[in-house]
């Protein structure tokens, strides 16, 4: 076989790589709907098998069986559309209703009582941990992308001020390093 021979790439609408479904527009719409459906199906199994659940049992089942389905590789497919964010948060909202003693409480009160953060907060926290690891060279520098520091920032606080970007197209604003610059700077 000739090493210089070119092979045409097959055009596909979507593909799965490491458990994440990529579509041709990188909207992750199919992946998000798959994750939501899988989380609801596991939630249904829990509901059918555990009729009267106390808080500790719920926490154990939810954290080990439901939440991993909506959090796996979420720094890759992190939702940025409001409808997707609401649908994903609705999973946890519906799950907390399985605890009989907390059924009449509001969603926020239930989260406080169960000591559970919102899924949006967990995504942001996970991304902040990744940014910290990248900026402090915890990852292999040949693999992890370098974040660009703002050299002109002469404010007090940390010296890890990242370059903030502005875009005319809102799709680019959801890129990992663009959405988290402002949150990282607030940690100082």
N, C-alpha and C. Protein backbone atom coordinates (compact mmCIF):
# COMPACT_ATOMS: atom_id res chain seq x y z
N UNK A 1 0.84 -1.18 0.00
CA UNK A 1 0.00 0.00 0.00
C UNK A 1 0.89 1.25 0.00
N UNK A 2 0.54 2.18 -0.83
CA UNK A 2 1.29 3.41 -0.96
C UNK A 2 0.95 4.35 0.20
N UNK A 3 1.97 4.84 0.90
CA UNK A 3 1.74 5.72 2.06
C UNK A 3 1.24 7.09 1.64
N UNK A 4 1.48 7.50 0.42
CA UNK A 4 1.07 8.81 -0.05
C UNK A 4 -0.31 8.81 -0.67
N UNK A 5 -0.95 7.65 -0.69
CA UNK A 5 -2.27 7.56 -1.30
C UNK A 5 -3.30 8.22 -0.37
N UNK A 6 -4.17 9.03 -0.95
CA UNK A 6 -5.19 9.74 -0.19
C UNK A 6 -6.50 8.96 -0.21
N UNK A 7 -7.17 8.92 0.91
CA UNK A 7 -8.46 8.26 1.02
C UNK A 7 -9.51 9.31 1.37
N UNK A 8 -10.60 9.33 0.65
CA UNK A 8 -11.65 10.31 0.96
C UNK A 8 -12.32 9.97 2.30
N UNK A 9 -12.63 11.00 3.06
CA UNK A 9 -13.32 10.81 4.33
C UNK A 9 -14.81 10.67 4.08
N UNK A 10 -15.43 9.79 4.83
CA UNK A 10 -16.87 9.60 4.73
C UNK A 10 -17.56 10.70 5.50
N UNK A 11 -18.57 11.32 4.90
CA UNK A 11 -19.32 12.38 5.57
C UNK A 11 -20.47 11.74 6.35
N UNK A 12 -20.53 12.07 7.63
CA UNK A 12 -21.58 11.53 8.49
C UNK A 12 -22.28 12.67 9.21
N UNK A 13 -23.53 12.42 9.58
CA UNK A 13 -24.30 13.44 10.31
C UNK A 13 -23.92 13.46 11.78
N UNK A 14 -23.61 12.29 12.34
CA UNK A 14 -23.19 12.24 13.74
C UNK A 14 -22.34 11.00 13.96
N UNK A 15 -21.54 11.07 15.02
CA UNK A 15 -20.68 9.94 15.38
C UNK A 15 -20.47 9.95 16.89
N UNK A 16 -20.15 8.78 17.42
CA UNK A 16 -19.91 8.65 18.85
C UNK A 16 -18.43 8.41 19.07
N UNK A 17 -17.84 9.20 19.95
CA UNK A 17 -16.44 9.02 20.30
C UNK A 17 -16.32 9.13 21.82
N UNK A 18 -15.82 8.08 22.46
CA UNK A 18 -15.66 8.01 23.90
C UNK A 18 -16.97 8.30 24.65
N UNK A 19 -18.07 7.84 24.10
CA UNK A 19 -19.35 7.98 24.77
C UNK A 19 -20.06 9.30 24.54
N UNK A 20 -19.50 10.17 23.73
CA UNK A 20 -20.13 11.46 23.44
C UNK A 20 -20.53 11.48 21.98
N UNK A 21 -21.80 11.81 21.70
CA UNK A 21 -22.29 11.88 20.32
C UNK A 21 -22.04 13.28 19.77
N UNK A 22 -21.22 13.34 18.73
CA UNK A 22 -20.93 14.59 18.04
C UNK A 22 -21.79 14.67 16.79
N UNK A 23 -22.43 15.81 16.56
CA UNK A 23 -23.15 15.99 15.31
C UNK A 23 -22.37 16.96 14.43
N UNK A 24 -22.80 17.12 13.20
CA UNK A 24 -22.03 17.90 12.23
C UNK A 24 -21.97 19.38 12.59
N UNK A 25 -22.92 19.88 13.39
CA UNK A 25 -22.92 21.29 13.78
C UNK A 25 -22.36 21.52 15.18
N UNK A 26 -21.94 20.47 15.86
CA UNK A 26 -21.43 20.53 17.23
C UNK A 26 -22.43 21.16 18.20
N UNK A 27 -23.71 20.86 18.01
CA UNK A 27 -24.73 21.35 18.94
C UNK A 27 -24.96 20.36 20.07
N UNK A 28 -24.58 19.11 19.89
CA UNK A 28 -24.74 18.04 20.87
C UNK A 28 -26.21 17.82 21.24
N UNK A 29 -27.10 18.20 20.36
CA UNK A 29 -28.54 18.06 20.62
C UNK A 29 -28.92 16.60 20.82
N UNK A 30 -28.45 15.73 19.94
CA UNK A 30 -28.76 14.30 20.06
C UNK A 30 -28.15 13.71 21.32
N UNK A 31 -26.93 14.12 21.64
CA UNK A 31 -26.27 13.60 22.83
C UNK A 31 -27.03 14.02 24.10
N UNK A 32 -27.43 15.27 24.16
CA UNK A 32 -28.15 15.77 25.34
C UNK A 32 -29.47 15.03 25.50
N UNK A 33 -30.19 14.83 24.41
CA UNK A 33 -31.47 14.12 24.52
C UNK A 33 -31.26 12.65 24.91
N UNK A 34 -30.18 12.02 24.43
CA UNK A 34 -29.87 10.65 24.85
C UNK A 34 -29.56 10.58 26.33
N UNK A 35 -28.78 11.53 26.82
CA UNK A 35 -28.42 11.55 28.24
C UNK A 35 -29.65 11.79 29.12
N UNK A 36 -30.52 12.69 28.68
CA UNK A 36 -31.74 12.98 29.43
C UNK A 36 -32.63 11.75 29.48
N UNK A 37 -32.82 11.09 28.34
CA UNK A 37 -33.67 9.89 28.29
C UNK A 37 -33.09 8.77 29.15
N UNK A 38 -31.79 8.59 29.12
CA UNK A 38 -31.16 7.55 29.93
C UNK A 38 -31.32 7.85 31.42
N UNK A 39 -31.16 9.10 31.80
CA UNK A 39 -31.32 9.48 33.21
C UNK A 39 -32.76 9.26 33.67
N UNK A 40 -33.72 9.60 32.81
CA UNK A 40 -35.13 9.37 33.17
C UNK A 40 -35.45 7.89 33.27
N UNK A 41 -34.86 7.07 32.41
CA UNK A 41 -35.14 5.63 32.48
C UNK A 41 -34.57 5.03 33.77
N UNK A 42 -33.39 5.46 34.18
CA UNK A 42 -32.82 4.99 35.44
C UNK A 42 -33.64 5.51 36.61
N UNK A 43 -34.11 6.73 36.50
CA UNK A 43 -34.97 7.30 37.54
C UNK A 43 -36.27 6.52 37.66
N UNK A 44 -36.80 6.07 36.53
CA UNK A 44 -38.01 5.23 36.54
C UNK A 44 -37.77 3.90 37.21
N UNK A 45 -36.62 3.30 36.99
CA UNK A 45 -36.27 2.04 37.65
C UNK A 45 -36.21 2.23 39.16
N UNK A 46 -35.60 3.33 39.59
CA UNK A 46 -35.52 3.62 41.02
C UNK A 46 -36.92 3.83 41.60
N UNK A 47 -37.76 4.56 40.87
CA UNK A 47 -39.11 4.84 41.35
C UNK A 47 -39.93 3.57 41.50
N UNK A 48 -39.79 2.63 40.56
CA UNK A 48 -40.55 1.38 40.62
C UNK A 48 -40.07 0.45 41.73
N UNK A 49 -38.79 0.49 42.06
CA UNK A 49 -38.23 -0.46 43.00
C UNK A 49 -38.09 0.06 44.43
N UNK A 50 -38.12 1.36 44.60
CA UNK A 50 -37.99 1.95 45.93
C UNK A 50 -39.17 2.90 46.15
N UNK A 51 -40.23 2.38 46.71
CA UNK A 51 -41.46 3.17 46.84
C UNK A 51 -41.31 4.22 47.94
N UNK A 52 -40.93 3.81 49.13
CA UNK A 52 -40.77 4.75 50.24
C UNK A 52 -39.28 4.93 50.51
N UNK A 53 -38.76 6.06 50.09
CA UNK A 53 -37.34 6.30 50.18
C UNK A 53 -37.04 7.38 51.21
N UNK A 54 -36.07 7.12 52.07
CA UNK A 54 -35.62 8.18 52.96
C UNK A 54 -34.53 8.99 52.25
N UNK A 55 -34.07 10.05 52.90
CA UNK A 55 -33.12 10.97 52.26
C UNK A 55 -31.79 10.29 51.94
N UNK A 56 -31.30 9.49 52.88
CA UNK A 56 -29.98 8.85 52.67
C UNK A 56 -30.00 7.86 51.50
N UNK A 57 -31.08 7.09 51.41
CA UNK A 57 -31.20 6.13 50.31
C UNK A 57 -31.29 6.86 48.98
N UNK A 58 -32.07 7.95 48.96
CA UNK A 58 -32.21 8.73 47.74
C UNK A 58 -30.87 9.29 47.29
N UNK A 59 -30.14 9.89 48.22
CA UNK A 59 -28.84 10.49 47.88
C UNK A 59 -27.91 9.44 47.29
N UNK A 60 -27.86 8.29 47.94
CA UNK A 60 -26.98 7.21 47.46
C UNK A 60 -27.37 6.76 46.06
N UNK A 61 -28.66 6.52 45.83
CA UNK A 61 -29.12 6.05 44.52
C UNK A 61 -28.97 7.13 43.45
N UNK A 62 -29.33 8.35 43.78
CA UNK A 62 -29.27 9.43 42.79
C UNK A 62 -27.83 9.72 42.37
N UNK A 63 -26.95 9.84 43.35
CA UNK A 63 -25.55 10.18 43.04
C UNK A 63 -24.83 9.06 42.29
N UNK A 64 -25.22 7.82 42.55
CA UNK A 64 -24.50 6.72 41.91
C UNK A 64 -25.14 6.23 40.61
N UNK A 65 -26.44 6.44 40.44
CA UNK A 65 -27.10 5.86 39.27
C UNK A 65 -27.65 6.87 38.26
N UNK A 66 -28.04 8.04 38.71
CA UNK A 66 -28.67 9.00 37.79
C UNK A 66 -27.71 10.10 37.37
N UNK A 67 -27.13 10.76 38.33
CA UNK A 67 -26.29 11.92 38.03
C UNK A 67 -25.11 11.62 37.11
N UNK A 68 -24.46 10.46 37.19
CA UNK A 68 -23.36 10.20 36.25
C UNK A 68 -23.77 10.24 34.78
N UNK A 69 -25.04 9.94 34.49
CA UNK A 69 -25.48 9.95 33.09
C UNK A 69 -25.54 11.36 32.52
N UNK A 70 -25.84 12.35 33.35
CA UNK A 70 -25.91 13.72 32.83
C UNK A 70 -24.63 14.51 33.06
N UNK A 71 -23.65 13.90 33.76
CA UNK A 71 -22.41 14.61 34.02
C UNK A 71 -21.21 14.04 33.28
N UNK A 72 -21.35 12.88 32.65
CA UNK A 72 -20.21 12.27 31.98
C UNK A 72 -19.73 13.16 30.83
N UNK A 73 -18.47 13.55 30.90
CA UNK A 73 -17.80 14.36 29.86
C UNK A 73 -18.54 15.66 29.57
N UNK A 74 -19.15 16.25 30.60
CA UNK A 74 -19.94 17.46 30.35
C UNK A 74 -19.09 18.68 30.03
N UNK A 75 -17.79 18.64 30.26
CA UNK A 75 -16.96 19.77 29.82
C UNK A 75 -16.80 19.76 28.30
N UNK A 76 -17.08 18.63 27.67
CA UNK A 76 -17.03 18.55 26.21
C UNK A 76 -18.35 19.04 25.61
N UNK A 77 -19.47 18.55 26.13
CA UNK A 77 -20.77 18.85 25.53
C UNK A 77 -21.58 19.85 26.35
N UNK A 78 -20.96 20.61 27.20
CA UNK A 78 -21.63 21.50 28.14
C UNK A 78 -22.75 22.30 27.44
N UNK A 79 -23.97 22.17 27.94
CA UNK A 79 -25.09 22.86 27.29
C UNK A 79 -25.00 24.36 27.50
N UNK A 80 -25.38 25.11 26.48
CA UNK A 80 -25.38 26.56 26.60
C UNK A 80 -26.72 27.15 26.22
N UNK A 81 -27.59 26.36 25.64
CA UNK A 81 -28.92 26.85 25.29
C UNK A 81 -29.83 26.74 26.51
N UNK A 82 -30.67 27.73 26.69
CA UNK A 82 -31.52 27.80 27.88
C UNK A 82 -32.45 26.59 27.97
N UNK A 83 -33.00 26.16 26.85
CA UNK A 83 -33.90 25.00 26.87
C UNK A 83 -33.17 23.74 27.32
N UNK A 84 -31.95 23.55 26.84
CA UNK A 84 -31.17 22.38 27.25
C UNK A 84 -30.83 22.43 28.73
N UNK A 85 -30.47 23.62 29.21
CA UNK A 85 -30.16 23.77 30.63
C UNK A 85 -31.37 23.44 31.50
N UNK A 86 -32.54 23.91 31.08
CA UNK A 86 -33.76 23.64 31.84
C UNK A 86 -34.12 22.16 31.83
N UNK A 87 -33.97 21.51 30.68
CA UNK A 87 -34.28 20.09 30.59
C UNK A 87 -33.36 19.24 31.46
N UNK A 88 -32.10 19.60 31.50
CA UNK A 88 -31.15 18.84 32.31
C UNK A 88 -31.42 19.07 33.80
N UNK A 89 -31.71 20.30 34.17
CA UNK A 89 -32.00 20.59 35.58
C UNK A 89 -33.32 19.94 36.01
N UNK A 90 -34.22 19.77 35.05
CA UNK A 90 -35.52 19.15 35.36
C UNK A 90 -35.35 17.70 35.83
N UNK A 91 -34.29 17.04 35.40
CA UNK A 91 -34.03 15.66 35.84
C UNK A 91 -33.86 15.64 37.35
N UNK A 92 -33.00 16.53 37.87
CA UNK A 92 -32.76 16.55 39.31
C UNK A 92 -34.01 17.02 40.05
N UNK A 93 -34.72 17.95 39.46
CA UNK A 93 -35.95 18.44 40.09
C UNK A 93 -36.97 17.31 40.24
N UNK A 94 -37.12 16.52 39.20
CA UNK A 94 -38.04 15.39 39.25
C UNK A 94 -37.54 14.31 40.20
N UNK A 95 -36.23 14.12 40.23
CA UNK A 95 -35.66 13.09 41.10
C UNK A 95 -35.89 13.42 42.57
N UNK A 96 -35.78 14.69 42.93
CA UNK A 96 -35.96 15.05 44.34
C UNK A 96 -37.39 14.84 44.81
N UNK A 97 -38.32 14.76 43.89
CA UNK A 97 -39.72 14.51 44.26
C UNK A 97 -39.94 13.06 44.69
N UNK A 98 -38.95 12.19 44.49
CA UNK A 98 -39.08 10.79 44.90
C UNK A 98 -39.02 10.63 46.42
N UNK A 99 -38.44 11.59 47.10
CA UNK A 99 -38.38 11.53 48.56
C UNK A 99 -39.72 12.00 49.09
N UNK A 100 -40.47 11.08 49.69
CA UNK A 100 -41.85 11.36 50.10
C UNK A 100 -41.92 12.51 51.10
N UNK A 101 -40.99 12.55 52.05
CA UNK A 101 -41.06 13.57 53.09
C UNK A 101 -40.77 14.97 52.57
N UNK A 102 -40.18 15.07 51.40
CA UNK A 102 -39.82 16.38 50.84
C UNK A 102 -40.68 16.76 49.64
N UNK A 103 -41.73 16.02 49.39
CA UNK A 103 -42.53 16.22 48.18
C UNK A 103 -43.19 17.60 48.12
N UNK A 104 -43.54 18.16 49.27
CA UNK A 104 -44.25 19.43 49.28
C UNK A 104 -43.33 20.65 49.36
N UNK A 105 -42.03 20.43 49.49
CA UNK A 105 -41.08 21.55 49.54
C UNK A 105 -40.75 22.03 48.13
N UNK A 106 -40.29 23.27 48.06
CA UNK A 106 -39.86 23.79 46.76
C UNK A 106 -38.55 23.13 46.36
N UNK A 107 -38.19 23.28 45.11
CA UNK A 107 -36.98 22.65 44.59
C UNK A 107 -35.74 23.16 45.31
N UNK A 108 -35.63 24.45 45.49
CA UNK A 108 -34.47 25.04 46.15
C UNK A 108 -34.39 24.58 47.61
N UNK A 109 -35.52 24.57 48.30
CA UNK A 109 -35.53 24.11 49.70
C UNK A 109 -35.12 22.63 49.80
N UNK A 110 -35.58 21.85 48.84
CA UNK A 110 -35.22 20.43 48.82
C UNK A 110 -33.73 20.25 48.60
N UNK A 111 -33.15 21.03 47.68
CA UNK A 111 -31.71 20.94 47.44
C UNK A 111 -30.91 21.33 48.68
N UNK A 112 -31.36 22.36 49.35
CA UNK A 112 -30.67 22.79 50.57
C UNK A 112 -30.76 21.71 51.64
N UNK A 113 -31.95 21.14 51.81
CA UNK A 113 -32.14 20.11 52.82
C UNK A 113 -31.30 18.87 52.53
N UNK A 114 -31.23 18.47 51.26
CA UNK A 114 -30.46 17.29 50.87
C UNK A 114 -28.97 17.58 50.67
N UNK A 115 -28.61 18.85 50.77
CA UNK A 115 -27.23 19.27 50.56
C UNK A 115 -26.74 18.91 49.16
N UNK A 116 -27.59 19.16 48.17
CA UNK A 116 -27.26 18.92 46.76
C UNK A 116 -27.14 20.26 46.03
N UNK A 117 -26.07 20.47 45.27
CA UNK A 117 -26.00 21.68 44.44
C UNK A 117 -26.80 21.47 43.15
N UNK A 118 -27.09 22.56 42.47
CA UNK A 118 -27.74 22.43 41.17
C UNK A 118 -26.76 21.81 40.18
N UNK A 119 -27.28 21.22 39.12
CA UNK A 119 -26.40 20.61 38.12
C UNK A 119 -25.58 21.67 37.39
N UNK A 120 -26.16 22.85 37.22
CA UNK A 120 -25.42 23.95 36.59
C UNK A 120 -24.21 24.33 37.44
N UNK A 121 -24.39 24.40 38.74
CA UNK A 121 -23.29 24.71 39.64
C UNK A 121 -22.21 23.63 39.57
N UNK A 122 -22.62 22.37 39.51
CA UNK A 122 -21.64 21.28 39.45
C UNK A 122 -20.83 21.34 38.15
N UNK A 123 -21.49 21.69 37.03
CA UNK A 123 -20.76 21.82 35.77
C UNK A 123 -19.74 22.95 35.86
N UNK A 124 -20.16 24.08 36.42
CA UNK A 124 -19.26 25.23 36.55
C UNK A 124 -18.09 24.89 37.48
N UNK A 125 -18.37 24.22 38.58
CA UNK A 125 -17.33 23.84 39.53
C UNK A 125 -16.31 22.90 38.87
N UNK A 126 -16.80 21.92 38.13
CA UNK A 126 -15.91 21.00 37.43
C UNK A 126 -15.04 21.70 36.41
N UNK A 127 -15.63 22.66 35.70
CA UNK A 127 -14.85 23.42 34.73
C UNK A 127 -13.81 24.30 35.40
N UNK A 128 -14.16 24.87 36.54
CA UNK A 128 -13.19 25.70 37.28
C UNK A 128 -12.02 24.85 37.77
N UNK A 129 -12.29 23.63 38.17
CA UNK A 129 -11.21 22.73 38.58
C UNK A 129 -10.30 22.43 37.40
N UNK A 130 -10.89 22.22 36.21
CA UNK A 130 -10.08 21.98 35.01
C UNK A 130 -9.22 23.19 34.65
N UNK A 131 -9.80 24.39 34.75
CA UNK A 131 -9.04 25.60 34.46
C UNK A 131 -7.90 25.75 35.45
N UNK A 132 -8.16 25.48 36.72
CA UNK A 132 -7.11 25.55 37.73
C UNK A 132 -5.96 24.59 37.39
N UNK A 133 -6.32 23.37 37.00
CA UNK A 133 -5.28 22.39 36.67
C UNK A 133 -4.47 22.82 35.45
N UNK A 134 -5.13 23.43 34.48
CA UNK A 134 -4.41 23.88 33.28
C UNK A 134 -3.50 25.06 33.62
N UNK A 135 -4.00 26.03 34.38
CA UNK A 135 -3.20 27.22 34.68
C UNK A 135 -2.06 26.93 35.63
N UNK A 136 -2.16 25.89 36.43
CA UNK A 136 -1.10 25.56 37.38
C UNK A 136 -0.23 24.40 36.89
N UNK A 137 -0.32 24.10 35.60
CA UNK A 137 0.51 23.08 34.94
C UNK A 137 0.44 21.72 35.63
N UNK A 138 -0.72 21.34 36.08
CA UNK A 138 -0.91 20.02 36.66
C UNK A 138 -1.03 18.98 35.55
N UNK A 139 -1.59 19.39 34.42
CA UNK A 139 -1.65 18.51 33.26
C UNK A 139 -0.33 18.54 32.52
N UNK A 140 -0.12 17.53 31.69
CA UNK A 140 1.05 17.50 30.82
C UNK A 140 0.93 18.66 29.84
N UNK A 141 1.91 19.53 29.80
CA UNK A 141 1.84 20.73 28.97
C UNK A 141 1.85 20.44 27.48
N UNK A 142 2.29 19.25 27.09
CA UNK A 142 2.27 18.91 25.67
C UNK A 142 0.87 18.49 25.22
N UNK A 143 0.01 18.14 26.18
CA UNK A 143 -1.34 17.68 25.84
C UNK A 143 -2.37 18.77 26.07
N UNK A 144 -2.30 19.44 27.22
CA UNK A 144 -3.30 20.44 27.57
C UNK A 144 -3.01 21.74 26.84
N UNK A 145 -4.06 22.38 26.42
CA UNK A 145 -3.93 23.64 25.71
C UNK A 145 -3.54 24.75 26.70
N UNK A 146 -2.65 25.62 26.28
CA UNK A 146 -2.27 26.74 27.12
C UNK A 146 -3.37 27.80 27.07
N UNK A 147 -3.74 28.29 28.23
CA UNK A 147 -4.65 29.41 28.30
C UNK A 147 -3.83 30.70 28.25
N UNK A 148 -4.36 31.71 27.63
CA UNK A 148 -3.63 32.95 27.45
C UNK A 148 -3.94 33.88 28.62
N UNK A 149 -2.88 34.30 29.31
CA UNK A 149 -3.04 35.20 30.44
C UNK A 149 -3.08 36.64 29.96
N UNK A 150 -3.83 37.46 30.68
CA UNK A 150 -3.93 38.87 30.37
C UNK A 150 -2.74 39.57 31.02
N UNK A 151 -1.80 40.00 30.20
CA UNK A 151 -0.58 40.62 30.71
C UNK A 151 -0.83 42.04 31.22
N UNK A 152 -1.88 42.70 30.74
CA UNK A 152 -2.12 44.10 31.09
C UNK A 152 -2.99 44.26 32.33
N UNK A 153 -3.36 43.16 32.96
CA UNK A 153 -4.20 43.25 34.15
C UNK A 153 -3.35 43.64 35.34
N UNK A 154 -3.50 44.87 35.81
CA UNK A 154 -2.72 45.32 36.96
C UNK A 154 -3.63 45.54 38.17
N UNK A 155 -4.55 44.62 38.34
CA UNK A 155 -5.43 44.71 39.50
C UNK A 155 -4.91 43.81 40.60
N UNK A 156 -5.44 44.02 41.80
CA UNK A 156 -5.04 43.16 42.91
C UNK A 156 -5.68 41.79 42.74
N UNK A 157 -5.22 40.84 43.51
CA UNK A 157 -5.76 39.48 43.43
C UNK A 157 -4.70 38.54 42.91
N UNK A 158 -5.13 37.54 42.17
CA UNK A 158 -4.16 36.57 41.68
C UNK A 158 -3.54 37.03 40.37
N UNK A 159 -2.45 36.41 39.99
CA UNK A 159 -1.80 36.77 38.72
C UNK A 159 -2.20 35.79 37.61
N UNK A 160 -3.31 35.10 37.80
CA UNK A 160 -3.82 34.17 36.80
C UNK A 160 -5.01 34.78 36.06
N UNK A 161 -4.92 36.04 35.74
CA UNK A 161 -6.00 36.69 34.99
C UNK A 161 -5.93 36.21 33.54
N UNK A 162 -7.01 35.61 33.08
CA UNK A 162 -7.04 35.08 31.72
C UNK A 162 -7.52 36.14 30.74
N UNK A 163 -7.05 36.02 29.51
CA UNK A 163 -7.47 36.92 28.45
C UNK A 163 -8.95 36.68 28.18
N UNK A 164 -9.72 37.75 28.22
CA UNK A 164 -11.16 37.64 27.97
C UNK A 164 -11.42 37.97 26.51
N UNK A 165 -12.22 37.18 25.86
CA UNK A 165 -12.51 37.36 24.45
C UNK A 165 -13.94 37.84 24.27
N UNK A 166 -14.16 38.60 23.20
CA UNK A 166 -15.52 38.98 22.85
C UNK A 166 -15.78 38.53 21.41
N UNK A 167 -17.00 38.06 21.18
CA UNK A 167 -17.37 37.53 19.88
C UNK A 167 -18.66 38.17 19.40
N UNK A 168 -18.80 38.21 18.09
CA UNK A 168 -20.04 38.73 17.52
C UNK A 168 -21.08 37.65 17.37
N UNK A 169 -20.65 36.40 17.34
CA UNK A 169 -21.57 35.28 17.21
C UNK A 169 -21.68 34.62 18.57
N UNK A 170 -22.92 34.45 19.06
CA UNK A 170 -23.12 33.95 20.42
C UNK A 170 -22.71 32.49 20.58
N UNK A 171 -22.61 31.73 19.50
CA UNK A 171 -22.19 30.33 19.60
C UNK A 171 -20.79 30.22 20.17
N UNK A 172 -19.90 31.13 19.78
CA UNK A 172 -18.52 31.07 20.24
C UNK A 172 -18.39 31.42 21.72
N UNK A 173 -19.37 32.14 22.27
CA UNK A 173 -19.31 32.52 23.68
C UNK A 173 -19.41 31.32 24.60
N UNK A 174 -19.91 30.20 24.10
CA UNK A 174 -20.06 29.02 24.94
C UNK A 174 -18.81 28.14 24.98
N UNK A 175 -17.76 28.55 24.29
CA UNK A 175 -16.52 27.79 24.28
C UNK A 175 -15.95 27.78 25.70
N UNK A 176 -15.38 26.67 26.07
CA UNK A 176 -14.92 26.43 27.44
C UNK A 176 -14.15 27.60 28.04
N UNK A 177 -13.07 28.03 27.39
CA UNK A 177 -12.22 29.04 28.00
C UNK A 177 -12.84 30.42 27.97
N UNK A 178 -13.83 30.65 27.12
CA UNK A 178 -14.48 31.96 27.06
C UNK A 178 -15.52 32.13 28.17
N UNK A 179 -16.24 31.06 28.47
CA UNK A 179 -17.31 31.18 29.46
C UNK A 179 -16.79 31.24 30.88
N UNK A 180 -15.58 30.79 31.11
CA UNK A 180 -15.12 30.64 32.47
C UNK A 180 -14.07 31.65 32.90
N UNK A 181 -13.66 32.53 32.01
CA UNK A 181 -12.68 33.56 32.38
C UNK A 181 -13.23 34.44 33.49
N UNK A 182 -14.48 34.89 33.35
CA UNK A 182 -15.04 35.80 34.34
C UNK A 182 -15.21 35.13 35.70
N UNK A 183 -15.53 33.84 35.70
CA UNK A 183 -15.70 33.14 36.98
C UNK A 183 -14.36 32.90 37.66
N UNK A 184 -13.34 32.60 36.88
CA UNK A 184 -12.01 32.35 37.45
C UNK A 184 -11.47 33.63 38.09
N UNK A 185 -11.71 34.76 37.45
CA UNK A 185 -11.21 36.04 37.99
C UNK A 185 -11.91 36.41 39.29
N UNK A 186 -13.13 35.95 39.49
CA UNK A 186 -13.87 36.26 40.72
C UNK A 186 -13.36 35.45 41.90
N UNK A 187 -12.56 34.41 41.67
CA UNK A 187 -12.06 33.57 42.74
C UNK A 187 -10.93 34.22 43.53
N UNK A 188 -10.38 35.30 43.02
CA UNK A 188 -9.23 35.94 43.67
C UNK A 188 -9.55 36.45 45.06
